Amino acid sequence: MLEALILILAGTNYEFIIFIALLLYIIYLQLQVVKKNALLKEIYEKIDRPNSKLEKEDIVRYLDNIKKPEYSKLISKDKFLDEKVQKFIFEKEDEIKAFVHYTASENIAMKIIVEGFRFVNSFYKTAEYIYHDELYLLQRHHEHKQFGDFVVVIGIAKKTYDHYTDELRKIKAKNIASEQILTEHTVEKDENYEDIYTLPIQFVKGYFNYKDGTIVRNPSYNHKYKSASFEKNLLKIKEELSSKVL
């Protein structure tokens, strides 16, 4: 009699555990649906905004990504969109062009603060221009976070950047960008004989860890920094182009 009662209770407990597990799983799925519906609603609101900078291709990629389970984890665990991190990136955003660079090593991030940001030929091979749009940032972050937990922030005054962009346009300097002018170091060569440029430390705002939200600022940061070397670099490009024409 006692053995039969134990068996009944054991069977009941087993079924109850299964029931609870299924119930929790259903609740989890429902929460995921609610979360994704909220994201879709936000996307539609972005589409309706006449001043939104979000491109159609960003929206398509975003819709593809939110189908993936790991994307929900990104949204819930990352500190990338935390208010303090966003303020760090976009302080004085009306005056500054902001760029980010991902790295797996904090030592490298600190080295960039101390020595400046080095890049080979194209600045955009390793740095990403960003603007203050949440969905755009999520999309770009999802694409680049694989390169490391530390995000170096670079800020250059729009007036300075646009000035040299306009100057290069006037002289029809092809395959040359403003970043290649904004350097004080002598251009070096790598093992493939490609040019290595170094952006001054004054344009490196600092870095943050997107997993824990830690921020490290560069005390030398000055987005309005100007150097006589910039004009010398521009003059050199003009002279080189003139010699080719002759």
Protein backbone atom coordinates (compact mmCIF):
# COMPACT_ATOMS: atom_id res chain seq x y z
CA MET A 1 0.00 0.00 0.00
CA LEU A 2 2.76 2.44 0.99
CA GLU A 3 4.82 1.49 -2.07
CA ALA A 4 1.84 2.13 -4.35
CA LEU A 5 1.29 5.59 -2.78
CA ILE A 6 4.96 6.49 -3.30
CA LEU A 7 4.74 5.45 -6.93
CA ILE A 8 1.63 7.60 -7.44
CA LEU A 9 3.29 10.62 -5.83
CA ALA A 10 6.45 10.09 -7.84
CA GLY A 11 4.45 9.90 -11.05
CA THR A 12 2.51 13.01 -10.12
CA ASN A 13 5.69 14.96 -9.35
CA TYR A 14 7.26 13.94 -12.65
CA GLU A 15 4.22 15.09 -14.62
CA PHE A 16 4.05 18.30 -12.60
CA ILE A 17 7.71 19.05 -13.38
CA ILE A 18 7.09 18.50 -17.08
CA PHE A 19 4.05 20.78 -16.91
CA ILE A 20 6.01 23.55 -15.18
CA ALA A 21 8.88 23.23 -17.69
CA LEU A 22 6.49 23.49 -20.64
CA LEU A 23 4.73 26.46 -19.04
CA LEU A 24 8.03 28.29 -18.52
CA TYR A 25 9.07 27.59 -22.11
CA ILE A 26 5.75 28.96 -23.42
CA ILE A 27 6.21 32.10 -21.31
CA TYR A 28 9.76 32.48 -22.67
CA LEU A 29 8.54 32.21 -26.27
CA GLN A 30 5.80 34.73 -25.58
CA LEU A 31 8.31 37.20 -24.15
CA GLN A 32 10.48 36.82 -27.26
CA VAL A 33 7.46 37.54 -29.48
CA VAL A 34 6.57 40.61 -27.41
CA LYS A 35 10.18 41.86 -27.56
CA LYS A 36 10.43 41.40 -31.31
CA ASN A 37 7.04 43.03 -31.85
CA ALA A 38 8.29 46.03 -29.88
CA LEU A 39 11.41 46.17 -32.07
CA LEU A 40 9.31 45.97 -35.23
CA LYS A 41 7.09 48.79 -33.96
CA GLU A 42 10.19 50.88 -33.34
CA ILE A 43 11.41 50.20 -36.87
CA TYR A 44 8.12 51.34 -38.38
CA GLU A 45 8.28 54.51 -36.30
CA LYS A 46 11.80 55.13 -37.63
CA ILE A 47 10.61 54.63 -41.19
CA ASP A 48 7.87 57.21 -40.70
CA ARG A 49 10.27 59.85 -39.38
CA PRO A 50 11.19 62.26 -42.21
CA ASN A 51 14.51 63.14 -40.54
CA SER A 52 15.64 59.56 -39.92
CA LYS A 53 19.05 58.67 -41.38
CA LEU A 54 18.28 54.96 -41.35
CA GLU A 55 18.76 53.48 -44.81
CA LYS A 56 16.52 50.80 -46.31
CA GLU A 57 19.42 48.34 -46.35
CA ASP A 58 19.86 48.89 -42.59
CA ILE A 59 16.20 48.07 -42.03
CA VAL A 60 16.39 44.89 -44.12
CA ARG A 61 19.51 43.68 -42.28
CA TYR A 62 17.91 44.52 -38.96
CA LEU A 63 14.77 42.53 -39.80
CA ASP A 64 16.94 39.57 -40.77
CA ASN A 65 18.94 39.78 -37.56
CA ILE A 66 16.07 39.93 -35.09
CA LYS A 67 15.08 36.45 -36.23
CA LYS A 68 18.28 35.15 -34.65
CA PRO A 69 18.25 34.17 -30.94
CA GLU A 70 21.70 35.69 -30.33
CA TYR A 71 20.39 39.11 -31.39
CA SER A 72 17.95 39.16 -28.47
CA LYS A 73 20.89 38.38 -26.18
CA LEU A 74 22.81 41.31 -27.66
CA ILE A 75 19.98 43.71 -26.87
CA SER A 76 19.47 42.47 -23.32
CA LYS A 77 23.12 42.11 -22.21
CA ASP A 78 25.12 44.81 -23.97
CA LYS A 79 25.89 48.18 -22.42
CA PHE A 80 26.39 49.70 -25.87
CA LEU A 81 23.12 51.64 -25.75
CA ASP A 82 23.40 52.65 -22.09
CA GLU A 83 22.87 56.37 -21.58
CA LYS A 84 26.37 57.04 -20.22
CA VAL A 85 28.02 55.23 -23.14
CA GLN A 86 25.89 57.07 -25.68
CA LYS A 87 26.71 60.41 -24.02
CA PHE A 88 30.40 59.51 -24.19
CA ILE A 89 30.21 58.75 -27.91
CA PHE A 90 27.97 61.60 -28.98
CA GLU A 91 28.94 64.56 -26.78
CA LYS A 92 28.69 67.72 -28.90
CA GLU A 93 27.42 65.61 -31.79
CA ASP A 94 26.46 68.72 -33.79
CA GLU A 95 30.15 69.67 -33.96
CA ILE A 96 31.79 66.28 -34.30
CA LYS A 97 32.12 63.43 -36.77
CA ALA A 98 32.29 60.28 -34.64
CA PHE A 99 34.02 57.03 -35.55
CA VAL A 100 34.50 53.75 -33.68
CA HIS A 101 37.12 51.01 -33.84
CA TYR A 102 36.68 47.59 -32.18
CA THR A 103 39.58 45.71 -30.61
CA ALA A 104 39.89 42.57 -28.47
CA SER A 105 42.71 43.97 -26.34
CA GLU A 106 42.47 46.75 -23.77
CA ASN A 107 46.23 47.20 -24.13
CA ILE A 108 45.75 48.05 -27.80
CA ALA A 109 42.94 50.48 -26.94
CA MET A 110 45.21 52.21 -24.42
CA LYS A 111 48.08 52.22 -26.93
CA ILE A 112 45.87 54.08 -29.40
CA ILE A 113 45.22 56.74 -26.75
CA VAL A 114 48.95 57.12 -26.12
CA GLU A 115 50.28 56.84 -29.68
CA GLY A 116 47.38 57.75 -31.96
CA PHE A 117 45.24 55.69 -34.32
CA ARG A 118 47.21 53.90 -37.04
CA PHE A 119 45.54 52.78 -40.26
CA VAL A 120 46.69 51.42 -43.60
CA ASN A 121 45.66 53.43 -46.66
CA SER A 122 41.92 53.54 -46.04
CA PHE A 123 40.78 54.77 -42.63
CA TYR A 124 37.45 53.00 -43.15
CA LYS A 125 38.97 49.53 -43.27
CA THR A 126 39.22 49.57 -39.48
CA ALA A 127 37.08 52.53 -38.36
CA GLU A 128 33.34 52.95 -38.74
CA TYR A 129 31.59 56.32 -39.10
CA ILE A 130 28.49 56.40 -36.89
CA TYR A 131 25.59 58.73 -36.19
CA HIS A 132 23.06 58.89 -33.38
CA ASP A 133 20.31 56.52 -34.50
CA GLU A 134 19.54 53.60 -32.19
CA LEU A 135 18.60 51.02 -34.83
CA TYR A 136 21.55 51.98 -37.00
CA LEU A 137 23.89 51.64 -34.02
CA LEU A 138 22.47 48.24 -33.08
CA GLN A 139 22.96 46.99 -36.61
CA ARG A 140 26.53 48.23 -36.87
CA HIS A 141 27.38 46.98 -33.38
CA HIS A 142 26.03 43.53 -34.19
CA GLU A 143 28.25 43.41 -37.28
CA HIS A 144 31.45 44.58 -35.54
CA LYS A 145 31.31 43.23 -31.98
CA GLN A 146 33.02 40.03 -33.11
CA PHE A 147 36.27 42.00 -33.31
CA GLY A 148 36.45 42.60 -29.57
CA ASP A 149 34.90 43.96 -26.37
CA PHE A 150 36.67 47.33 -26.46
CA VAL A 151 35.46 50.19 -28.65
CA VAL A 152 37.79 53.09 -29.37
CA VAL A 153 35.96 56.37 -30.05
CA ILE A 154 37.42 58.92 -32.45
CA GLY A 155 36.04 62.46 -32.75
CA ILE A 156 37.00 65.05 -35.35
CA ALA A 157 35.49 68.51 -35.69
CA LYS A 158 33.13 68.60 -38.67
CA LYS A 159 34.57 71.97 -39.73
CA THR A 160 38.08 70.54 -39.90
CA TYR A 161 37.00 67.34 -41.63
CA ASP A 162 34.76 69.10 -44.14
CA HIS A 163 37.40 71.73 -44.89
CA TYR A 164 39.93 69.16 -46.08
CA THR A 165 37.27 67.15 -47.87
CA ASP A 166 36.37 70.27 -49.84
CA GLU A 167 40.02 71.06 -50.56
CA LEU A 168 40.61 67.56 -51.91
CA ARG A 169 37.51 67.84 -54.04
CA LYS A 170 38.72 71.13 -55.53
CA ILE A 171 41.99 69.62 -56.70
CA LYS A 172 40.26 66.39 -57.77
CA ALA A 173 42.46 64.24 -55.56
CA LYS A 174 41.18 60.74 -56.15
CA ASN A 175 41.64 57.92 -53.61
CA ILE A 176 42.71 60.41 -50.95
CA ALA A 177 40.56 61.10 -47.86
CA SER A 178 40.67 63.80 -45.20
CA GLU A 179 42.03 61.34 -42.64
CA GLN A 180 45.20 60.96 -44.70
CA ILE A 181 45.84 64.68 -44.30
CA LEU A 182 45.07 64.78 -40.57
CA THR A 183 48.38 63.32 -39.47
CA GLU A 184 51.60 64.68 -37.96
CA HIS A 185 53.66 61.50 -38.27
CA THR A 186 55.74 60.62 -41.29
CA VAL A 187 53.87 58.13 -43.44
CA GLU A 188 55.37 54.66 -42.93
CA LYS A 189 55.25 51.48 -45.01
CA ASP A 190 54.04 48.07 -43.87
CA GLU A 191 55.38 44.68 -45.03
CA ASN A 192 53.22 44.96 -48.17
CA TYR A 193 54.61 48.43 -48.95
CA GLU A 194 51.28 50.04 -48.20
CA ASP A 195 51.14 53.47 -46.54
CA ILE A 196 50.53 53.63 -42.78
CA TYR A 197 48.97 56.83 -41.43
CA THR A 198 48.60 57.89 -37.79
CA LEU A 199 45.71 60.03 -36.59
CA PRO A 200 46.84 62.34 -33.73
CA ILE A 201 46.06 61.38 -30.13
CA GLN A 202 43.99 64.57 -29.83
CA PHE A 203 41.32 62.99 -32.05
CA VAL A 204 41.10 59.84 -29.88
CA LYS A 205 38.37 60.44 -27.33
CA GLY A 206 39.02 57.22 -25.42
CA TYR A 207 37.41 53.79 -25.32
CA PHE A 208 34.73 51.77 -23.56
CA ASN A 209 33.97 48.12 -22.84
CA TYR A 210 30.55 47.40 -24.30
CA LYS A 211 30.02 44.40 -22.00
CA ASP A 212 30.42 46.12 -18.63
CA GLY A 213 30.06 49.78 -19.68
CA THR A 214 33.51 50.85 -18.39
CA ILE A 215 34.69 54.11 -20.00
CA VAL A 216 38.31 55.34 -20.25
CA ARG A 217 38.76 58.93 -21.43
CA ASN A 218 41.79 60.41 -23.16
CA PRO A 219 42.93 63.54 -21.24
CA SER A 220 44.56 64.85 -24.45
CA TYR A 221 41.36 64.67 -26.49
CA ASN A 222 40.51 67.82 -28.46
CA HIS A 223 38.19 67.44 -31.45
CA LYS A 224 39.10 70.96 -32.61
CA TYR A 225 42.81 70.19 -32.73
CA LYS A 226 44.70 71.81 -35.61
CA SER A 227 48.28 71.25 -36.66
CA ALA A 228 50.53 73.00 -39.15
CA SER A 229 51.28 69.51 -40.48
CA PHE A 230 47.76 69.26 -41.89
CA GLU A 231 48.29 72.18 -44.28
CA LYS A 232 51.74 70.86 -45.19
CA ASN A 233 50.22 67.49 -46.06
CA LEU A 234 47.61 69.16 -48.25
CA LEU A 235 50.27 71.27 -49.99
CA LYS A 236 52.34 68.17 -50.67
CA ILE A 237 49.36 66.46 -52.31
CA LYS A 238 48.72 69.55 -54.46
CA GLU A 239 52.34 69.63 -55.56
CA GLU A 240 52.34 65.94 -56.43
CA LEU A 241 49.19 66.31 -58.51
CA SER A 242 50.61 69.38 -60.26
CA SER A 243 53.81 67.53 -61.18
CA LYS A 244 51.77 64.69 -62.70
CA VAL A 245 49.85 67.16 -64.87
CA LEU A 246 53.11 68.72 -66.08
